[in-house]
Amino acid sequence: MKKYTKVFLVLGGLCLFSLLACGGAEKKTEAPADIANEKYQCPMKCTEEILDKAGNCSLCGMELEKITKS
């Protein structure tokens, strides 16, 4: 009986280790198409410009914010 207990403990430990080593769950990442469709705008709305990449506003210098889908 003790022999089987040790085997189950070892197998359980290996399963636990493999889950932890792999992260345990799938990580959600943005698809390349989603990244290409991101749009940015000044939070102060200084201009009506909508840009394809992050950066700073050309008028006030504030960091552009990602426009969320409504």
Protein backbone atom coordinates (compact mmCIF):
# COMPACT_ATOMS: atom_id res chain seq x y z
CA MET A 1 0.00 0.00 0.00
CA LYS A 2 2.84 2.42 0.83
CA LYS A 3 4.37 1.69 -2.57
CA TYR A 4 1.20 2.91 -4.36
CA THR A 5 0.97 6.00 -2.17
CA LYS A 6 4.48 7.04 -3.19
CA VAL A 7 3.69 6.43 -6.87
CA PHE A 8 0.53 8.57 -6.66
CA LEU A 9 2.39 11.34 -4.84
CA VAL A 10 5.13 11.39 -7.46
CA LEU A 11 2.64 11.38 -10.34
CA GLY A 12 0.56 14.10 -8.67
CA GLY A 13 3.67 16.20 -8.14
CA LEU A 14 4.66 15.82 -11.79
CA CYS A 15 1.18 16.84 -12.93
CA LEU A 16 1.21 19.88 -10.66
CA PHE A 17 4.68 20.86 -11.84
CA SER A 18 3.70 20.57 -15.51
CA LEU A 19 0.61 22.75 -14.96
CA LEU A 20 2.63 25.42 -13.19
CA ALA A 21 5.45 25.30 -15.72
CA CYS A 22 3.02 25.80 -18.62
CA GLY A 23 1.17 28.63 -16.95
CA GLY A 24 -1.87 26.51 -16.10
CA ALA A 25 -4.18 28.44 -18.41
CA GLU A 26 -4.07 29.86 -21.87
CA LYS A 27 -3.04 33.47 -22.11
CA LYS A 28 -5.12 35.69 -24.34
CA THR A 29 -3.16 37.79 -26.77
CA GLU A 30 -4.35 40.30 -29.30
CA ALA A 31 -4.43 39.09 -32.85
CA PRO A 32 -2.21 40.97 -35.30
CA ALA A 33 -5.34 42.17 -37.14
CA ASP A 34 -6.63 43.75 -33.92
CA ILE A 35 -3.35 45.55 -33.34
CA ALA A 36 -3.41 46.93 -36.88
CA ASN A 37 -6.92 48.32 -36.31
CA GLU A 38 -6.04 50.27 -33.14
CA LYS A 39 -6.71 53.99 -33.34
CA TYR A 40 -5.42 56.77 -31.06
CA GLN A 41 -6.69 60.27 -30.27
CA CYS A 42 -5.78 63.12 -27.91
CA PRO A 43 -7.73 62.87 -24.63
CA MET A 44 -8.30 66.65 -24.73
CA LYS A 45 -9.67 66.44 -28.31
CA CYS A 46 -7.38 69.33 -29.38
CA THR A 47 -7.62 68.10 -32.93
CA GLU A 48 -9.95 65.73 -34.71
CA GLU A 49 -6.92 63.69 -35.79
CA ILE A 50 -7.22 59.95 -35.32
CA LEU A 51 -3.87 58.19 -35.66
CA ASP A 52 -2.88 54.57 -36.26
CA LYS A 53 -0.08 54.52 -33.70
CA ALA A 54 0.54 55.71 -30.15
CA GLY A 55 2.44 58.92 -29.56
CA ASN A 56 1.85 62.49 -28.41
CA CYS A 57 -0.62 65.13 -29.55
CA SER A 58 0.90 67.53 -32.05
CA LEU A 59 -0.74 70.54 -30.33
CA CYS A 60 -0.72 69.97 -26.56
CA GLY A 61 1.87 67.19 -26.29
CA MET A 62 -0.34 64.86 -24.22
CA GLU A 63 -0.03 61.13 -24.72
CA LEU A 64 -2.59 59.81 -27.17
CA GLU A 65 -5.20 57.36 -25.82
CA LYS A 66 -6.43 54.26 -27.54
CA ILE A 67 -9.97 54.70 -28.83
CA THR A 68 -12.19 51.95 -27.48
CA LYS A 69 -14.87 50.35 -29.57
CA SER A 70 -18.35 51.49 -28.57
